[in-house]
Amino acid sequence: MLSDKEHKALMFAYSEDLTLVADTEPMFGSHPRTIRALVKKGFIEAYDEDDEESEYELTRAGRVALGLT
């Protein structure tokens, strides 16, 4: 079961127009705790990592969690 915040973050990761990043300001990204929870569940994975932030993409398990497959 996904929380509303987890669902929103997964939708950002799914979107081609938006990028999922960790940020404590909801306007600019998803909270780092939400990101960590989704990574731990295997729903997203980091790519394009640098010193300041990472971007995340949806995994197959994340697609299943959203009901896309």
PDB file of N, CA and C in Angstrom:
ATOM      1  N   MET A   1       0.842  -1.192   0.000  1.00  0.00           N
ATOM      2  CA  MET A   1       0.000   0.000   0.000  1.00  0.00           C
ATOM      3  C   MET A   1       0.880   1.246   0.000  1.00  0.00           C
ATOM      4  N   LEU A   2       0.586   2.155  -0.891  1.00  0.00           N
ATOM      5  CA  LEU A   2       1.345   3.397  -1.002  1.00  0.00           C
ATOM      6  C   LEU A   2       0.654   4.527  -0.256  1.00  0.00           C
ATOM      7  N   SER A   3       1.462   5.355   0.402  1.00  0.00           N
ATOM      8  CA  SER A   3       0.911   6.563   0.997  1.00  0.00           C
ATOM      9  C   SER A   3       0.666   7.564  -0.135  1.00  0.00           C
ATOM     10  N   ASP A   4      -0.062   8.626   0.167  1.00  0.00           N
ATOM     11  CA  ASP A   4      -0.313   9.661  -0.848  1.00  0.00           C
ATOM     12  C   ASP A   4       1.003  10.270  -1.336  1.00  0.00           C
ATOM     13  N   LYS A   5       1.935  10.504  -0.406  1.00  0.00           N
ATOM     14  CA  LYS A   5       3.225  11.093  -0.777  1.00  0.00           C
ATOM     15  C   LYS A   5       4.041  10.143  -1.635  1.00  0.00           C
ATOM     16  N   GLU A   6       4.005   8.848  -1.320  1.00  0.00           N
ATOM     17  CA  GLU A   6       4.720   7.868  -2.132  1.00  0.00           C
ATOM     18  C   GLU A   6       4.109   7.783  -3.529  1.00  0.00           C
ATOM     19  N   HIS A   7       2.790   7.783  -3.594  1.00  0.00           N
ATOM     20  CA  HIS A   7       2.112   7.727  -4.896  1.00  0.00           C
ATOM     21  C   HIS A   7       2.480   8.945  -5.741  1.00  0.00           C
ATOM     22  N   LYS A   8       2.463  10.113  -5.142  1.00  0.00           N
ATOM     23  CA  LYS A   8       2.813  11.341  -5.858  1.00  0.00           C
ATOM     24  C   LYS A   8       4.252  11.265  -6.381  1.00  0.00           C
ATOM     25  N   ALA A   9       5.167  10.785  -5.536  1.00  0.00           N
ATOM     26  CA  ALA A   9       6.566  10.677  -5.942  1.00  0.00           C
ATOM     27  C   ALA A   9       6.728   9.684  -7.088  1.00  0.00           C
ATOM     28  N   LEU A  10       6.019   8.566  -7.032  1.00  0.00           N
ATOM     29  CA  LEU A  10       6.096   7.591  -8.118  1.00  0.00           C
ATOM     30  C   LEU A  10       5.552   8.171  -9.415  1.00  0.00           C
ATOM     31  N   MET A  11       4.513   8.975  -9.328  1.00  0.00           N
ATOM     32  CA  MET A  11       3.964   9.605 -10.529  1.00  0.00           C
ATOM     33  C   MET A  11       4.968  10.588 -11.126  1.00  0.00           C
ATOM     34  N   PHE A  12       5.723  11.292 -10.275  1.00  0.00           N
ATOM     35  CA  PHE A  12       6.786  12.163 -10.774  1.00  0.00           C
ATOM     36  C   PHE A  12       7.832  11.333 -11.504  1.00  0.00           C
ATOM     37  N   ALA A  13       8.207  10.183 -10.927  1.00  0.00           N
ATOM     38  CA  ALA A  13       9.212   9.320 -11.550  1.00  0.00           C
ATOM     39  C   ALA A  13       8.701   8.757 -12.872  1.00  0.00           C
ATOM     40  N   TYR A  14       7.405   8.509 -12.960  1.00  0.00           N
ATOM     41  CA  TYR A  14       6.795   7.967 -14.175  1.00  0.00           C
ATOM     42  C   TYR A  14       6.702   9.010 -15.289  1.00  0.00           C
ATOM     43  N   SER A  15       6.479  10.246 -14.923  1.00  0.00           N
ATOM     44  CA  SER A  15       6.267  11.313 -15.890  1.00  0.00           C
ATOM     45  C   SER A  15       7.511  11.587 -16.729  1.00  0.00           C
ATOM     46  N   GLU A  16       7.316  11.838 -18.002  1.00  0.00           N
ATOM     47  CA  GLU A  16       8.425  12.214 -18.870  1.00  0.00           C
ATOM     48  C   GLU A  16       8.723  13.709 -18.765  1.00  0.00           C
ATOM     49  N   ASP A  17       7.771  14.499 -18.291  1.00  0.00           N
ATOM     50  CA  ASP A  17       7.936  15.944 -18.222  1.00  0.00           C
ATOM     51  C   ASP A  17       8.495  16.419 -16.883  1.00  0.00           C
ATOM     52  N   LEU A  18       8.427  15.579 -15.861  1.00  0.00           N
ATOM     53  CA  LEU A  18       8.861  15.967 -14.530  1.00  0.00           C
ATOM     54  C   LEU A  18       9.999  15.061 -14.072  1.00  0.00           C
ATOM     55  N   THR A  19      10.822  15.567 -13.172  1.00  0.00           N
ATOM     56  CA  THR A  19      11.937  14.803 -12.634  1.00  0.00           C
ATOM     57  C   THR A  19      11.754  14.651 -11.136  1.00  0.00           C
ATOM     58  N   LEU A  20      11.907  13.439 -10.642  1.00  0.00           N
ATOM     59  CA  LEU A  20      11.792  13.184  -9.211  1.00  0.00           C
ATOM     60  C   LEU A  20      13.134  13.431  -8.550  1.00  0.00           C
ATOM     61  N   VAL A  21      13.175  14.372  -7.620  1.00  0.00           N
ATOM     62  CA  VAL A  21      14.365  14.658  -6.826  1.00  0.00           C
ATOM     63  C   VAL A  21      13.959  14.764  -5.371  1.00  0.00           C
ATOM     64  N   ALA A  22      14.926  14.569  -4.483  1.00  0.00           N
ATOM     65  CA  ALA A  22      14.676  14.715  -3.055  1.00  0.00           C
ATOM     66  C   ALA A  22      14.841  16.178  -2.667  1.00  0.00           C
ATOM     67  N   ASP A  23      13.876  16.707  -1.937  1.00  0.00           N
ATOM     68  CA  ASP A  23      13.929  18.086  -1.467  1.00  0.00           C
ATOM     69  C   ASP A  23      12.958  18.219  -0.312  1.00  0.00           C
ATOM     70  N   THR A  24      13.337  18.975   0.698  1.00  0.00           N
ATOM     71  CA  THR A  24      12.450  19.157   1.841  1.00  0.00           C
ATOM     72  C   THR A  24      11.325  20.136   1.549  1.00  0.00           C
ATOM     73  N   GLU A  25      11.423  20.869   0.463  1.00  0.00           N
ATOM     74  CA  GLU A  25      10.353  21.777   0.047  1.00  0.00           C
ATOM     75  C   GLU A  25       9.444  21.036  -0.928  1.00  0.00           C
ATOM     76  N   PRO A  26       8.183  20.777  -0.554  1.00  0.00           N
ATOM     77  CA  PRO A  26       7.288  20.002  -1.426  1.00  0.00           C
ATOM     78  C   PRO A  26       7.129  20.576  -2.827  1.00  0.00           C
ATOM     79  N   MET A  27       7.330  21.856  -2.963  1.00  0.00           N
ATOM     80  CA  MET A  27       7.174  22.503  -4.260  1.00  0.00           C
ATOM     81  C   MET A  27       8.279  22.069  -5.237  1.00  0.00           C
ATOM     82  N   PHE A  28       9.427  21.655  -4.691  1.00  0.00           N
ATOM     83  CA  PHE A  28      10.588  21.370  -5.527  1.00  0.00           C
ATOM     84  C   PHE A  28      10.936  19.894  -5.635  1.00  0.00           C
ATOM     85  N   GLY A  29      10.262  19.035  -4.896  1.00  0.00           N
ATOM     86  CA  GLY A  29      10.581  17.611  -4.952  1.00  0.00           C
ATOM     87  C   GLY A  29       9.862  16.859  -3.850  1.00  0.00           C
ATOM     88  N   SER A  30      10.261  15.633  -3.636  1.00  0.00           N
ATOM     89  CA  SER A  30       9.682  14.805  -2.585  1.00  0.00           C
ATOM     90  C   SER A  30      10.637  14.751  -1.410  1.00  0.00           C
ATOM     91  N   HIS A  31      10.082  14.602  -0.222  1.00  0.00           N
ATOM     92  CA  HIS A  31      10.892  14.584   0.988  1.00  0.00           C
ATOM     93  C   HIS A  31      11.884  13.420   0.935  1.00  0.00           C
ATOM     94  N   PRO A  32      13.099  13.628   1.409  1.00  0.00           N
ATOM     95  CA  PRO A  32      14.104  12.558   1.391  1.00  0.00           C
ATOM     96  C   PRO A  32      13.639  11.256   2.053  1.00  0.00           C
ATOM     97  N   ARG A  33      12.823  11.333   3.096  1.00  0.00           N
ATOM     98  CA  ARG A  33      12.318  10.106   3.735  1.00  0.00           C
ATOM     99  C   ARG A  33      11.415   9.324   2.783  1.00  0.00           C
ATOM    100  N   THR A  34      10.614  10.045   2.000  1.00  0.00           N
ATOM    101  CA  THR A  34       9.750   9.386   1.010  1.00  0.00           C
ATOM    102  C   THR A  34      10.606   8.706  -0.057  1.00  0.00           C
ATOM    103  N   ILE A  35      11.623   9.408  -0.516  1.00  0.00           N
ATOM    104  CA  ILE A  35      12.530   8.854  -1.516  1.00  0.00           C
ATOM    105  C   ILE A  35      13.210   7.595  -0.971  1.00  0.00           C
ATOM    106  N   ARG A  36      13.734   7.672   0.251  1.00  0.00           N
ATOM    107  CA  ARG A  36      14.403   6.507   0.850  1.00  0.00           C
ATOM    108  C   ARG A  36      13.455   5.322   0.962  1.00  0.00           C
ATOM    109  N   ALA A  37      12.215   5.572   1.353  1.00  0.00           N
ATOM    110  CA  ALA A  37      11.231   4.492   1.487  1.00  0.00           C
ATOM    111  C   ALA A  37      10.967   3.830   0.137  1.00  0.00           C
ATOM    112  N   LEU A  38      10.852   4.630  -0.912  1.00  0.00           N
ATOM    113  CA  LEU A  38      10.585   4.078  -2.246  1.00  0.00           C
ATOM    114  C   LEU A  38      11.789   3.305  -2.787  1.00  0.00           C
ATOM    115  N   VAL A  39      13.000   3.800  -2.505  1.00  0.00           N
ATOM    116  CA  VAL A  39      14.212   3.077  -2.912  1.00  0.00           C
ATOM    117  C   VAL A  39      14.281   1.752  -2.168  1.00  0.00           C
ATOM    118  N   LYS A  40      14.009   1.785  -0.863  1.00  0.00           N
ATOM    119  CA  LYS A  40      14.061   0.570  -0.043  1.00  0.00           C
ATOM    120  C   LYS A  40      13.050  -0.474  -0.525  1.00  0.00           C
ATOM    121  N   LYS A  41      11.887  -0.024  -0.964  1.00  0.00           N
ATOM    122  CA  LYS A  41      10.864  -0.935  -1.478  1.00  0.00           C
ATOM    123  C   LYS A  41      11.179  -1.400  -2.900  1.00  0.00           C
ATOM    124  N   GLY A  42      12.183  -0.780  -3.531  1.00  0.00           N
ATOM    125  CA  GLY A  42      12.559  -1.159  -4.892  1.00  0.00           C
ATOM    126  C   GLY A  42      11.689  -0.544  -5.968  1.00  0.00           C
ATOM    127  N   PHE A  43      10.956   0.518  -5.639  1.00  0.00           N
ATOM    128  CA  PHE A  43      10.052   1.149  -6.600  1.00  0.00           C
ATOM    129  C   PHE A  43      10.734   2.185  -7.487  1.00  0.00           C
ATOM    130  N   ILE A  44      11.845   2.755  -7.020  1.00  0.00           N
ATOM    131  CA  ILE A  44      12.611   3.718  -7.802  1.00  0.00           C
ATOM    132  C   ILE A  44      14.087   3.415  -7.619  1.00  0.00           C
ATOM    133  N   GLU A  45      14.905   3.939  -8.553  1.00  0.00           N
ATOM    134  CA  GLU A  45      16.349   3.831  -8.407  1.00  0.00           C
ATOM    135  C   GLU A  45      16.981   5.124  -8.892  1.00  0.00           C
ATOM    136  N   ALA A  46      18.127   5.435  -8.312  1.00  0.00           N
ATOM    137  CA  ALA A  46      18.810   6.682  -8.641  1.00  0.00           C
ATOM    138  C   ALA A  46      19.542   6.553  -9.969  1.00  0.00           C
ATOM    139  N   TYR A  47      19.574   7.645 -10.697  1.00  0.00           N
ATOM    140  CA  TYR A  47      20.416   7.768 -11.880  1.00  0.00           C
ATOM    141  C   TYR A  47      20.866   9.212 -11.926  1.00  0.00           C
ATOM    142  N   ASP A  48      21.833   9.512 -12.728  1.00  0.00           N
ATOM    143  CA  ASP A  48      22.336  10.882 -12.859  1.00  0.00           C
ATOM    144  C   ASP A  48      22.669  11.464 -11.487  1.00  0.00           C
ATOM    145  N   GLU A  49      23.437  10.702 -10.699  1.00  0.00           N
ATOM    146  CA  GLU A  49      23.800  11.151  -9.356  1.00  0.00           C
ATOM    147  C   GLU A  49      24.952  12.153  -9.433  1.00  0.00           C
ATOM    148  N   ASP A  50      24.882  13.174  -8.602  1.00  0.00           N
ATOM    149  CA  ASP A  50      26.005  14.090  -8.426  1.00  0.00           C
ATOM    150  C   ASP A  50      26.086  14.466  -6.950  1.00  0.00           C
ATOM    151  N   ASP A  51      26.969  15.375  -6.619  1.00  0.00           N
ATOM    152  CA  ASP A  51      27.199  15.722  -5.214  1.00  0.00           C
ATOM    153  C   ASP A  51      26.004  16.394  -4.554  1.00  0.00           C
ATOM    154  N   GLU A  52      25.206  17.107  -5.316  1.00  0.00           N
ATOM    155  CA  GLU A  52      24.125  17.884  -4.719  1.00  0.00           C
ATOM    156  C   GLU A  52      22.787  17.158  -4.702  1.00  0.00           C
ATOM    157  N   GLU A  53      22.487  16.414  -5.750  1.00  0.00           N
ATOM    158  CA  GLU A  53      21.197  15.720  -5.788  1.00  0.00           C
ATOM    159  C   GLU A  53      21.248  14.566  -6.773  1.00  0.00           C
ATOM    160  N   SER A  54      20.305  13.675  -6.627  1.00  0.00           N
ATOM    161  CA  SER A  54      20.145  12.559  -7.552  1.00  0.00           C
ATOM    162  C   SER A  54      18.764  12.655  -8.176  1.00  0.00           C
ATOM    163  N   GLU A  55      18.664  12.164  -9.383  1.00  0.00           N
ATOM    164  CA  GLU A  55      17.365  12.028 -10.021  1.00  0.00           C
ATOM    165  C   GLU A  55      16.998  10.556  -9.956  1.00  0.00           C
ATOM    166  N   TYR A  56      15.716  10.268  -9.948  1.00  0.00           N
ATOM    167  CA  TYR A  56      15.244   8.901  -9.766  1.00  0.00           C
ATOM    168  C   TYR A  56      14.320   8.504 -10.894  1.00  0.00           C
ATOM    169  N   GLU A  57      14.344   7.207 -11.209  1.00  0.00           N
ATOM    170  CA  GLU A  57      13.444   6.683 -12.223  1.00  0.00           C
ATOM    171  C   GLU A  57      12.677   5.494 -11.667  1.00  0.00           C
ATOM    172  N   LEU A  58      11.548   5.259 -12.256  1.00  0.00           N
ATOM    173  CA  LEU A  58      10.654   4.190 -11.843  1.00  0.00           C
ATOM    174  C   LEU A  58      11.224   2.834 -12.261  1.00  0.00           C
ATOM    175  N   THR A  59      11.137   1.859 -11.378  1.00  0.00           N
ATOM    176  CA  THR A  59      11.540   0.490 -11.699  1.00  0.00           C
ATOM    177  C   THR A  59      10.309  -0.299 -12.136  1.00  0.00           C
ATOM    178  N   ARG A  60      10.532  -1.537 -12.535  1.00  0.00           N
ATOM    179  CA  ARG A  60       9.401  -2.395 -12.902  1.00  0.00           C
ATOM    180  C   ARG A  60       8.463  -2.571 -11.711  1.00  0.00           C
ATOM    181  N   ALA A  61       9.047  -2.753 -10.514  1.00  0.00           N
ATOM    182  CA  ALA A  61       8.217  -2.898  -9.305  1.00  0.00           C
ATOM    183  C   ALA A  61       7.400  -1.631  -9.053  1.00  0.00           C
ATOM    184  N   GLY A  62       7.974  -0.466  -9.359  1.00  0.00           N
ATOM    185  CA  GLY A  62       7.245   0.782  -9.213  1.00  0.00           C
ATOM    186  C   GLY A  62       6.077   0.875 -10.175  1.00  0.00           C
ATOM    187  N   ARG A  63       6.281   0.399 -11.388  1.00  0.00           N
ATOM    188  CA  ARG A  63       5.176   0.368 -12.373  1.00  0.00           C
ATOM    189  C   ARG A  63       4.047  -0.545 -11.900  1.00  0.00           C
ATOM    190  N   VAL A  64       4.421  -1.674 -11.320  1.00  0.00           N
ATOM    191  CA  VAL A  64       3.422  -2.598 -10.798  1.00  0.00           C
ATOM    192  C   VAL A  64       2.664  -1.937  -9.646  1.00  0.00           C
ATOM    193  N   ALA A  65       3.387  -1.226  -8.765  1.00  0.00           N
ATOM    194  CA  ALA A  65       2.754  -0.559  -7.625  1.00  0.00           C
ATOM    195  C   ALA A  65       1.740   0.491  -8.081  1.00  0.00           C
ATOM    196  N   LEU A  66       2.016   1.124  -9.210  1.00  0.00           N
ATOM    197  CA  LEU A  66       1.085   2.119  -9.761  1.00  0.00           C
ATOM    198  C   LEU A  66      -0.020   1.484 -10.602  1.00  0.00           C
ATOM    199  N   GLY A  67       0.074   0.187 -10.820  1.00  0.00           N
ATOM    200  CA  GLY A  67      -0.932  -0.494 -11.637  1.00  0.00           C
ATOM    201  C   GLY A  67      -0.746  -0.301 -13.114  1.00  0.00           C
ATOM    202  N   LEU A  68       0.487  -0.018 -13.540  1.00  0.00           N
ATOM    203  CA  LEU A  68       0.760   0.238 -14.948  1.00  0.00           C
ATOM    204  C   LEU A  68       1.070  -1.017 -15.734  1.00  0.00           C
ATOM    205  N   THR A  69       1.388  -2.109 -15.045  1.00  0.00           N
ATOM    206  CA  THR A  69       1.662  -3.376 -15.730  1.00  0.00           C
ATOM    207  C   THR A  69       0.943  -4.509 -15.058  1.00  0.00           C
TER     208      THR A  69
END
